[in-house]
Amino acid sequence: MIMHAELHRKTVWELSAAIAASTLSPRELTDALLARVTAANTSNAFVTVCADEARRAADRLTEELTRGRRRGPLHGIPIAVKDLTDTAGVRTTYGSSLFRDHVPTVDADPVARLRAAGAIVLGKTNTHEFACGVTTTNPHYGATHNPWRHGYVPGGSSGGSGAAVGGGLVPLATGSDTGGSIRIPSALCGAVGLKPTHGRVSLRGTYPMAASCDHIGPIARSARDCALALNALAGFDPADPWSRRFPQEDFTRDLERPLRGRRIAVAPEFRPCPLAAGVDAALARACETLRALGAEIVPVTLPSSDEVLFAATLVLVETYTQHAQQFAAHPDAYGADVRVQLEFAKGFDATTLVQAQYARERVAQAVELVVTDRADALLQPTVPVEAPAIGAEFVELRGQAMPVTLVLAAYTLLHNLVRLPTIAVPAGLGDGGLPTSVQLTTAAGREALALNVAHQLEQALWPIEQRWRDLDRVAASSRA
């Protein structure tokens, strides 16, 4: 039996089993986590808490269980939704002052699917303004703090979701990822975050940043929980022009498959920026762990980081196009950092954009060949540093002062351009005592394989129980 004092540290898998066994009800779990949110939202992970709506949903789902109806593993599981994604009847700000009082009337497709699977929305999590940043230091709704160390960023733009999961407020949250916005917060907050194949999860109802690179996915405590969430989230949506048809599958099916015989690619020469020593060591540990699990490590070559950065011009211009009219009408409503991005993006001409599109295609083909012809998955660092302090504009890497924004997205942006499934896996503490992470990329549509490798690596490299012990120790030392 799970002790109620421990509920906030349990995985979706564990909580689901307790609900199925009738040792825990959805209402009991919802009340416990709402109390936790009230007591422990010092990180500013949530910008809106919908307690009454959550309790009503929990009562309905508890009553369904008494009638013998269980919708599946997410039945009665409280979740958080990034405040970039519409929730019917619940304020959704997109991280902007322009939408401070905006209340959608219809759920976004991913939210509707999660609710249909039995999930209970506890509230909305803070986001970088319009998802246009990697720190979740929001000028309108406040900075979100890293649950491992107050005063440090949780990453972004899904920083509220990363902090909520990493800090034990909810076991599962949604995020969006255009340049790393699921994986960066997962990395800095000690969570697992999955960016599925582009088109696997509908974008309908999520405020676009750059739709050709936008992805919706879960942030959770484990790869298994991400698989359970993806089972609910995935599905073709004819109302979303970016949605693609994939065969229906159970993403948990291969989690326990041994890695013997798997080929894992590494790209030692792909260094868009240097790695902090602790991250470099974590990457080496991940390689050794995969070898010990029976996988073969295969060195490969990727396109140059300069070509990747040039291709990313498309993200900037697509973002500006999304905001052009609104930005022209209300420039002062935007935070300073987002204004700088949008002003910069105005200056690109058509020739540059066409060249950037060609660069994107070259980059995409090269990465696809790696994960189809050379290897089963590609292993890289997720973020090259541990979490920087809130307000820091630069981070020092191997003697170089580099902009925080470029550093945090240096290794994640590639996989938005190529639109392949990529999962961030916790990799232990770095030299500064904060989480590090590695990411695994597979071929399009092969999320089950990415989840299999991630699950095996996570359990051997930095399992959940050890993460909680480390978090307690780090928190205690921070208070001392």
Protein backbone atom coordinates (compact mmCIF):
# COMPACT_ATOMS: atom_id res chain seq x y z
CA MET A 1 0.00 0.00 0.00
CA ILE A 2 1.24 3.51 -0.85
CA MET A 3 1.47 5.84 2.14
CA HIS A 4 -0.37 9.11 1.44
CA ALA A 5 2.67 11.11 2.54
CA GLU A 6 4.56 9.53 -0.36
CA LEU A 7 1.98 10.09 -3.11
CA HIS A 8 3.73 13.10 -4.62
CA ARG A 9 6.84 10.99 -5.32
CA LYS A 10 5.13 8.12 -7.08
CA THR A 11 5.04 7.51 -10.81
CA VAL A 12 1.93 7.37 -12.93
CA TRP A 13 2.51 3.63 -13.21
CA GLU A 14 2.52 3.19 -9.42
CA LEU A 15 -0.44 5.48 -8.80
CA SER A 16 -2.43 3.80 -11.56
CA ALA A 17 -1.80 0.39 -10.01
CA ALA A 18 -3.01 1.65 -6.62
CA ILE A 19 -6.19 3.08 -8.15
CA ALA A 20 -6.82 -0.15 -10.06
CA ALA A 21 -6.38 -2.13 -6.83
CA SER A 22 -8.84 0.18 -5.00
CA THR A 23 -6.22 1.12 -2.39
CA LEU A 24 -6.35 4.72 -3.61
CA SER A 25 -9.20 6.71 -5.12
CA PRO A 26 -8.94 9.51 -7.70
CA ARG A 27 -10.46 11.92 -5.15
CA GLU A 28 -7.92 10.97 -2.47
CA LEU A 29 -5.05 11.41 -4.89
CA THR A 30 -6.39 14.71 -6.22
CA ASP A 31 -6.86 16.13 -2.72
CA ALA A 32 -3.35 15.06 -1.73
CA LEU A 33 -1.71 16.68 -4.75
CA LEU A 34 -3.79 19.86 -4.50
CA ALA A 35 -2.60 20.16 -0.91
CA ARG A 36 0.94 19.64 -2.15
CA VAL A 37 0.53 22.35 -4.81
CA THR A 38 -0.80 24.76 -2.18
CA ALA A 39 2.05 24.03 0.20
CA ALA A 40 4.95 23.67 -2.22
CA ASN A 41 4.37 25.92 -5.26
CA THR A 42 7.27 28.12 -4.17
CA SER A 43 8.82 27.42 -7.56
CA ASN A 44 5.94 29.31 -9.27
CA ALA A 45 5.36 26.24 -11.42
CA PHE A 46 1.59 26.87 -11.60
CA VAL A 47 0.02 30.10 -12.81
CA THR A 48 -3.55 28.79 -12.49
CA VAL A 49 -4.86 26.06 -10.19
CA CYS A 50 -8.36 24.76 -10.93
CA ALA A 51 -9.04 22.97 -7.65
CA ASP A 52 -12.84 22.90 -7.81
CA GLU A 53 -12.91 21.58 -11.36
CA ALA A 54 -10.29 18.97 -10.49
CA ARG A 55 -12.26 17.74 -7.47
CA ARG A 56 -15.44 17.46 -9.52
CA ALA A 57 -13.61 15.44 -12.17
CA ALA A 58 -12.06 13.24 -9.47
CA ASP A 59 -15.50 12.54 -7.98
CA ARG A 60 -16.87 11.56 -11.39
CA LEU A 61 -13.94 9.25 -12.03
CA THR A 62 -14.17 7.73 -8.55
CA GLU A 63 -17.87 7.04 -9.14
CA GLU A 64 -17.07 5.40 -12.48
CA LEU A 65 -14.76 2.98 -10.69
CA THR A 66 -17.55 1.98 -8.30
CA ARG A 67 -19.58 1.04 -11.39
CA GLY A 68 -16.74 -1.07 -12.74
CA ARG A 69 -15.60 1.36 -15.42
CA ARG A 70 -11.86 2.08 -15.65
CA ARG A 71 -10.77 4.07 -18.68
CA GLY A 72 -7.16 2.91 -18.58
CA PRO A 73 -3.87 3.64 -16.82
CA LEU A 74 -4.50 7.41 -16.65
CA HIS A 75 -7.88 7.00 -14.94
CA GLY A 76 -7.82 9.33 -11.94
CA ILE A 77 -4.27 10.61 -12.49
CA PRO A 78 -3.84 14.35 -11.81
CA ILE A 79 -1.80 16.21 -14.43
CA ALA A 80 -0.72 19.74 -15.30
CA VAL A 81 -1.08 21.42 -18.69
CA LYS A 82 1.36 23.96 -20.06
CA ASP A 83 -0.27 27.38 -20.26
CA LEU A 84 0.33 27.47 -24.00
CA THR A 85 -2.39 24.85 -24.56
CA ASP A 86 -6.13 25.50 -24.42
CA THR A 87 -8.23 24.13 -21.57
CA ALA A 88 -11.99 24.61 -21.75
CA GLY A 89 -13.24 26.82 -18.93
CA VAL A 90 -9.76 27.37 -17.48
CA ARG A 91 -7.72 30.53 -18.04
CA THR A 92 -5.04 30.09 -20.69
CA THR A 93 -2.63 33.01 -21.06
CA TYR A 94 0.01 31.69 -23.47
CA GLY A 95 2.43 33.41 -21.09
CA SER A 96 1.33 36.82 -22.39
CA SER A 97 -0.31 39.84 -20.79
CA LEU A 98 -2.44 40.13 -23.92
CA PHE A 99 -4.29 36.96 -22.91
CA ARG A 100 -4.37 37.49 -19.14
CA ASP A 101 -8.15 36.96 -19.01
CA HIS A 102 -8.49 34.51 -21.89
CA VAL A 103 -10.69 31.48 -21.11
CA PRO A 104 -11.03 29.01 -24.01
CA THR A 105 -14.35 27.27 -24.60
CA VAL A 106 -12.83 24.15 -26.17
CA ASP A 107 -10.03 21.85 -25.06
CA ALA A 108 -6.97 21.49 -27.26
CA ASP A 109 -6.88 18.07 -28.91
CA PRO A 110 -4.15 16.70 -26.58
CA VAL A 111 -6.07 17.86 -23.50
CA ALA A 112 -9.29 16.31 -24.79
CA ARG A 113 -7.49 13.02 -25.34
CA LEU A 114 -5.95 13.08 -21.86
CA ARG A 115 -9.30 13.85 -20.24
CA ALA A 116 -10.95 11.07 -22.24
CA ALA A 117 -8.29 8.71 -20.90
CA GLY A 118 -9.24 9.70 -17.35
CA ALA A 119 -6.61 12.31 -16.51
CA ILE A 120 -7.55 15.15 -14.15
CA VAL A 121 -6.25 18.65 -14.93
CA LEU A 122 -5.03 20.29 -11.70
CA GLY A 123 -3.99 23.52 -13.38
CA LYS A 124 -1.84 25.39 -15.86
CA THR A 125 1.93 25.68 -15.67
CA ASN A 126 4.04 28.73 -16.34
CA THR A 127 5.69 29.17 -19.73
CA HIS A 128 8.17 31.54 -21.27
CA GLU A 129 6.15 34.24 -23.03
CA PHE A 130 4.54 32.69 -26.13
CA ALA A 131 7.08 29.83 -25.68
CA CYS A 132 9.77 32.15 -27.09
CA GLY A 133 12.57 31.38 -24.65
CA VAL A 134 14.39 28.75 -22.64
CA THR A 135 14.35 30.06 -19.05
CA THR A 136 10.65 30.55 -18.11
CA THR A 137 11.56 33.91 -16.64
CA ASN A 138 8.22 35.45 -17.53
CA PRO A 139 7.83 39.24 -17.18
CA HIS A 140 4.05 38.96 -16.72
CA TYR A 141 3.62 35.92 -14.46
CA GLY A 142 6.96 35.76 -12.70
CA ALA A 143 10.03 33.57 -12.95
CA THR A 144 9.70 29.86 -12.33
CA HIS A 145 12.41 28.43 -10.07
CA ASN A 146 14.19 25.13 -10.41
CA PRO A 147 12.86 22.68 -7.78
CA TRP A 148 16.41 21.49 -7.12
CA ARG A 149 17.71 24.96 -6.24
CA HIS A 150 15.67 28.11 -5.71
CA GLY A 151 16.98 31.04 -7.73
CA TYR A 152 18.01 28.89 -10.68
CA VAL A 153 16.12 28.45 -13.94
CA PRO A 154 14.06 25.32 -14.65
CA GLY A 155 14.64 25.68 -18.38
CA GLY A 156 11.97 26.55 -20.89
CA SER A 157 9.78 27.18 -22.40
CA SER A 158 7.85 24.44 -20.55
CA GLY A 159 9.61 25.36 -17.31
CA GLY A 160 6.48 25.26 -15.18
CA SER A 161 5.78 21.70 -16.30
CA GLY A 162 9.37 20.65 -15.66
CA ALA A 163 9.34 22.22 -12.20
CA ALA A 164 5.94 20.71 -11.35
CA VAL A 165 7.08 17.19 -12.21
CA GLY A 166 10.63 17.53 -10.89
CA GLY A 167 9.42 19.09 -7.65
CA GLY A 168 6.77 16.49 -6.87
CA LEU A 169 3.65 18.56 -7.56
CA VAL A 170 2.23 16.29 -10.27
CA PRO A 171 3.44 13.01 -11.80
CA LEU A 172 2.77 14.12 -15.38
CA ALA A 173 2.55 17.36 -17.34
CA THR A 174 2.29 18.43 -20.95
CA GLY A 175 4.85 20.51 -22.76
CA SER A 176 5.52 21.91 -26.20
CA ASP A 177 8.88 21.73 -27.96
CA THR A 178 10.00 23.98 -30.83
CA GLY A 179 13.69 24.24 -30.02
CA GLY A 180 13.97 22.03 -26.95
CA SER A 181 11.15 23.27 -24.73
CA ILE A 182 10.17 19.83 -23.39
CA ARG A 183 13.68 18.44 -23.17
CA ILE A 184 15.47 21.45 -21.65
CA PRO A 185 13.20 21.70 -18.57
CA SER A 186 13.24 17.92 -18.21
CA ALA A 187 17.04 18.00 -18.26
CA LEU A 188 17.43 20.80 -15.73
CA CYS A 189 14.70 19.50 -13.38
CA GLY A 190 15.68 15.81 -13.31
CA ALA A 191 12.67 14.57 -15.31
CA VAL A 192 12.07 12.55 -18.47
CA GLY A 193 10.68 14.46 -21.44
CA LEU A 194 9.57 13.13 -24.82
CA LYS A 195 9.31 15.10 -28.05
CA PRO A 196 7.43 12.72 -30.36
CA THR A 197 7.69 12.58 -34.13
CA HIS A 198 6.27 15.75 -35.68
CA GLY A 199 2.59 15.13 -36.40
CA ARG A 200 2.24 12.24 -33.94
CA VAL A 201 0.38 14.49 -31.43
CA SER A 202 -2.01 17.17 -32.64
CA LEU A 203 -1.01 20.82 -32.45
CA ARG A 204 -4.63 21.99 -32.54
CA GLY A 205 -5.36 24.21 -29.57
CA THR A 206 -1.75 25.04 -28.72
CA TYR A 207 -0.54 28.56 -29.51
CA PRO A 208 1.93 28.16 -32.40
CA MET A 209 5.52 29.28 -32.20
CA ALA A 210 6.80 27.76 -35.45
CA ALA A 211 4.34 25.06 -36.47
CA SER A 212 6.76 23.24 -38.78
CA CYS A 213 8.94 22.61 -35.72
CA ASP A 214 6.30 22.54 -32.94
CA HIS A 215 5.77 19.29 -31.04
CA ILE A 216 3.51 18.39 -28.09
CA GLY A 217 4.59 15.73 -25.61
CA PRO A 218 4.80 14.63 -21.99
CA ILE A 219 7.13 15.45 -19.12
CA ALA A 220 7.11 12.73 -16.47
CA ARG A 221 9.21 10.95 -13.87
CA SER A 222 10.03 7.96 -16.03
CA ALA A 223 10.16 6.73 -19.60
CA ARG A 224 7.39 4.27 -18.70
CA ASP A 225 5.14 7.16 -17.67
CA CYS A 226 5.95 8.97 -20.93
CA ALA A 227 4.90 5.84 -22.81
CA LEU A 228 1.59 5.71 -20.92
CA ALA A 229 0.99 9.38 -21.69
CA LEU A 230 1.84 8.98 -25.37
CA ASN A 231 -0.68 6.14 -25.62
CA ALA A 232 -3.33 8.73 -24.78
CA LEU A 233 -1.88 11.73 -26.63
CA ALA A 234 -1.11 10.15 -30.00
CA GLY A 235 -3.66 10.08 -32.77
CA PHE A 236 -4.52 11.57 -36.14
CA ASP A 237 -6.43 14.85 -36.05
CA PRO A 238 -8.01 15.86 -39.38
CA ALA A 239 -8.46 19.40 -38.05
CA ASP A 240 -4.68 19.85 -37.68
CA PRO A 241 -2.91 20.28 -41.04
CA TRP A 242 0.36 19.05 -39.50
CA SER A 243 -1.14 15.83 -38.15
CA ARG A 244 0.06 12.55 -39.67
CA ARG A 245 -1.40 9.05 -39.66
CA PHE A 246 0.63 6.41 -37.83
CA PRO A 247 -0.36 2.83 -37.03
CA GLN A 248 -1.92 2.60 -33.58
CA GLU A 249 0.44 1.00 -31.09
CA ASP A 250 1.11 0.45 -27.41
CA PHE A 251 4.23 2.44 -26.56
CA THR A 252 4.82 0.41 -23.39
CA ARG A 253 5.16 -2.87 -25.27
CA ASP A 254 8.95 -2.91 -25.74
CA LEU A 255 10.08 -1.18 -22.55
CA GLU A 256 11.62 -4.30 -21.03
CA ARG A 257 13.29 -5.52 -24.23
CA PRO A 258 17.05 -6.00 -23.64
CA LEU A 259 19.40 -3.68 -25.51
CA ARG A 260 21.79 -6.43 -26.58
CA GLY A 261 22.58 -5.93 -30.25
CA ARG A 262 21.31 -2.35 -30.38
CA ARG A 263 23.60 0.17 -32.07
CA ILE A 264 23.76 3.58 -30.41
CA ALA A 265 25.40 6.37 -32.39
CA VAL A 266 27.45 9.14 -30.83
CA ALA A 267 28.74 12.24 -32.61
CA PRO A 268 31.87 13.38 -30.74
CA GLU A 269 32.69 16.07 -33.30
CA PHE A 270 29.25 17.73 -33.15
CA ARG A 271 29.90 20.43 -30.58
CA PRO A 272 27.77 23.54 -31.08
CA CYS A 273 29.23 24.66 -27.77
CA PRO A 274 31.58 23.09 -25.21
CA LEU A 275 30.24 20.75 -22.54
CA ALA A 276 30.60 21.50 -18.86
CA ALA A 277 32.86 18.91 -17.24
CA GLY A 278 29.99 17.34 -15.30
CA VAL A 279 27.87 16.98 -18.44
CA ASP A 280 30.79 15.50 -20.35
CA ALA A 281 31.21 12.96 -17.54
CA ALA A 282 27.47 12.18 -17.58
CA LEU A 283 27.60 11.52 -21.33
CA ALA A 284 30.55 9.17 -20.80
CA ARG A 285 28.64 7.36 -18.03
CA ALA A 286 25.66 6.97 -20.33
CA CYS A 287 27.87 5.41 -23.02
CA GLU A 288 29.42 2.99 -20.53
CA THR A 289 26.00 2.10 -19.14
CA LEU A 290 24.64 1.36 -22.60
CA ARG A 291 27.67 -0.83 -23.32
CA ALA A 292 27.08 -2.70 -20.06
CA LEU A 293 23.47 -3.24 -21.15
CA GLY A 294 24.70 -4.89 -24.35
CA ALA A 295 24.52 -2.04 -26.84
CA GLU A 296 27.29 -1.13 -29.27
CA ILE A 297 28.47 2.50 -29.39
CA VAL A 298 29.02 3.68 -32.97
CA PRO A 299 30.80 6.99 -33.77
CA VAL A 300 29.12 8.99 -36.54
CA THR A 301 29.45 12.38 -38.18
CA LEU A 302 26.63 14.93 -38.16
CA PRO A 303 26.25 18.14 -40.16
CA SER A 304 28.19 21.10 -38.85
CA SER A 305 26.65 23.11 -36.03
CA ASP A 306 26.96 26.20 -38.24
CA GLU A 307 24.66 24.63 -40.83
CA VAL A 308 22.17 23.66 -38.12
CA LEU A 309 22.19 27.21 -36.75
CA PHE A 310 21.67 28.65 -40.23
CA ALA A 311 18.74 26.29 -40.85
CA ALA A 312 17.23 27.52 -37.58
CA THR A 313 16.68 30.88 -39.28
CA LEU A 314 13.40 29.31 -40.36
CA VAL A 315 12.23 29.03 -36.76
CA LEU A 316 12.87 32.72 -36.14
CA VAL A 317 11.05 33.85 -39.27
CA GLU A 318 8.15 31.47 -38.77
CA THR A 319 7.76 32.79 -35.22
CA TYR A 320 7.80 36.38 -36.45
CA THR A 321 5.19 35.56 -39.10
CA GLN A 322 2.93 34.15 -36.39
CA HIS A 323 3.21 37.36 -34.34
CA ALA A 324 3.63 40.05 -37.03
CA GLN A 325 0.20 41.72 -36.84
CA GLN A 326 -0.17 41.37 -33.09
CA PHE A 327 3.38 42.59 -32.48
CA ALA A 328 2.85 45.62 -34.73
CA ALA A 329 -0.30 46.54 -32.83
CA HIS A 330 0.98 45.88 -29.29
CA PRO A 331 4.81 45.94 -29.25
CA ASP A 332 4.98 47.14 -25.64
CA ALA A 333 2.88 44.19 -24.46
CA TYR A 334 5.79 41.87 -25.25
CA GLY A 335 8.66 41.24 -22.84
CA ALA A 336 12.03 42.73 -23.75
CA ASP A 337 13.70 39.43 -24.72
CA VAL A 338 10.86 38.39 -27.02
CA ARG A 339 10.76 41.85 -28.62
CA VAL A 340 14.45 41.51 -29.46
CA GLN A 341 13.84 38.13 -31.12
CA LEU A 342 10.94 39.39 -33.22
CA GLU A 343 12.74 42.57 -34.30
CA PHE A 344 15.77 40.51 -35.32
CA ALA A 345 13.62 38.07 -37.32
CA LYS A 346 12.20 40.90 -39.44
CA GLY A 347 15.46 41.34 -41.30
CA PHE A 348 15.74 38.11 -43.29
CA ASP A 349 15.12 38.19 -47.04
CA ALA A 350 13.58 35.54 -49.29
CA THR A 351 16.94 34.31 -50.60
CA THR A 352 18.17 33.64 -47.08
CA LEU A 353 14.98 31.76 -46.24
CA VAL A 354 15.24 29.53 -49.30
CA GLN A 355 18.87 28.77 -48.50
CA ALA A 356 17.89 28.00 -44.90
CA GLN A 357 15.21 25.59 -46.13
CA TYR A 358 17.78 23.78 -48.27
CA ALA A 359 20.09 23.61 -45.25
CA ARG A 360 17.27 22.13 -43.20
CA GLU A 361 16.68 19.40 -45.76
CA ARG A 362 20.38 18.53 -45.85
CA VAL A 363 20.53 18.37 -42.06
CA ALA A 364 17.36 16.28 -41.85
CA GLN A 365 18.58 13.78 -44.42
CA ALA A 366 21.93 13.37 -42.66
CA VAL A 367 20.36 12.70 -39.25
CA GLU A 368 17.73 10.37 -40.71
CA LEU A 369 20.47 8.31 -42.36
CA VAL A 370 22.25 7.97 -39.00
CA VAL A 371 19.18 6.57 -37.22
CA THR A 372 18.04 4.37 -40.11
CA ASP A 373 21.23 3.07 -41.73
CA ARG A 374 24.00 3.45 -39.16
CA ALA A 375 22.33 2.95 -35.78
CA ASP A 376 19.11 2.39 -33.87
CA ALA A 377 19.40 5.61 -31.89
CA LEU A 378 21.58 8.69 -31.55
CA LEU A 379 22.89 9.65 -28.08
CA GLN A 380 23.79 13.26 -27.26
CA PRO A 381 23.81 15.58 -24.27
CA THR A 382 20.46 17.31 -23.80
CA VAL A 383 21.85 20.52 -22.33
CA PRO A 384 25.59 21.31 -22.08
CA VAL A 385 25.36 22.83 -18.59
CA GLU A 386 23.55 22.51 -15.30
CA ALA A 387 20.84 25.07 -14.56
CA PRO A 388 22.11 28.67 -14.59
CA ALA A 389 20.93 31.30 -12.12
CA ILE A 390 17.75 33.23 -12.85
CA GLY A 391 18.68 36.49 -14.54
CA ALA A 392 22.06 35.29 -15.80
CA GLU A 393 22.62 36.39 -19.40
CA PHE A 394 25.84 34.45 -19.91
CA VAL A 395 27.26 31.15 -18.73
CA GLU A 396 30.96 30.30 -18.67
CA LEU A 397 31.93 27.14 -20.55
CA ARG A 398 35.56 26.09 -20.65
CA GLY A 399 36.67 29.69 -20.22
CA GLN A 400 34.19 31.13 -22.73
CA ALA A 401 31.31 33.43 -21.77
CA MET A 402 28.34 32.31 -23.88
CA PRO A 403 24.70 33.55 -24.04
CA VAL A 404 22.39 31.44 -21.87
CA THR A 405 19.71 31.30 -24.58
CA LEU A 406 22.07 29.83 -27.17
CA VAL A 407 23.72 27.44 -24.71
CA LEU A 408 20.54 25.86 -23.35
CA ALA A 409 19.17 25.12 -26.84
CA ALA A 410 22.52 24.28 -28.46
CA TYR A 411 21.95 20.51 -28.60
CA THR A 412 18.15 20.35 -28.73
CA LEU A 413 17.30 22.57 -31.70
CA LEU A 414 18.68 20.09 -34.23
CA HIS A 415 15.92 17.60 -33.49
CA ASN A 416 13.12 20.09 -34.04
CA LEU A 417 14.49 20.87 -37.47
CA VAL A 418 14.60 17.17 -38.39
CA ARG A 419 11.31 16.42 -36.56
CA LEU A 420 12.36 13.03 -35.22
CA PRO A 421 11.33 11.56 -31.84
CA THR A 422 13.77 12.52 -29.08
CA ILE A 423 13.64 11.76 -25.37
CA ALA A 424 15.60 13.40 -22.54
CA VAL A 425 16.82 11.02 -19.82
CA PRO A 426 18.20 12.06 -16.39
CA ALA A 427 21.93 11.28 -16.18
CA GLY A 428 22.99 12.11 -12.62
CA LEU A 429 24.24 15.19 -10.83
CA GLY A 430 26.88 17.45 -12.33
CA ASP A 431 29.78 19.14 -10.61
CA GLY A 432 27.49 21.90 -9.36
CA GLY A 433 25.13 19.44 -7.70
CA LEU A 434 22.28 19.89 -10.19
CA PRO A 435 20.81 17.44 -12.74
CA THR A 436 22.39 16.54 -16.06
CA SER A 437 20.70 14.76 -18.94
CA VAL A 438 21.25 12.93 -22.20
CA GLN A 439 18.87 12.65 -25.15
CA LEU A 440 18.12 9.76 -27.50
CA THR A 441 16.82 10.20 -31.05
CA THR A 442 15.32 7.49 -33.27
CA ALA A 443 13.82 7.31 -36.74
CA ALA A 444 10.43 8.85 -37.47
CA GLY A 445 7.59 6.90 -35.92
CA ARG A 446 9.89 4.83 -33.71
CA GLU A 447 8.95 6.28 -30.33
CA ALA A 448 8.60 2.75 -28.94
CA LEU A 449 12.30 2.16 -29.63
CA ALA A 450 13.32 5.51 -28.11
CA LEU A 451 11.26 4.70 -25.01
CA ASN A 452 12.78 1.22 -24.77
CA VAL A 453 16.36 2.53 -24.81
CA ALA A 454 15.45 5.40 -22.48
CA HIS A 455 13.73 3.07 -19.99
CA GLN A 456 16.69 0.70 -19.83
CA LEU A 457 19.19 3.56 -19.56
CA GLU A 458 17.20 5.47 -16.95
CA GLN A 459 16.89 2.48 -14.63
CA ALA A 460 20.61 1.73 -14.79
CA LEU A 461 21.98 5.28 -14.88
CA TRP A 462 19.94 7.35 -12.38
CA PRO A 463 16.79 5.55 -11.18
CA ILE A 464 13.87 7.44 -9.66
CA GLU A 465 14.54 6.41 -6.06
CA GLN A 466 18.10 7.75 -6.26
CA ARG A 467 16.86 10.98 -7.83
CA TRP A 468 14.55 11.62 -4.87
CA ARG A 469 17.36 10.93 -2.41
CA ASP A 470 19.64 13.30 -4.30
CA LEU A 471 16.93 15.97 -4.42
CA ASP A 472 16.43 15.73 -0.64
CA ARG A 473 20.18 16.05 -0.09
CA VAL A 474 20.57 18.99 -2.49
CA ALA A 475 17.56 20.76 -0.96
CA ALA A 476 18.91 20.25 2.56
CA SER A 477 22.33 21.62 1.62
CA SER A 478 20.70 24.65 -0.04
CA ARG A 479 18.81 25.45 3.17
CA ALA A 480 21.89 25.04 5.37
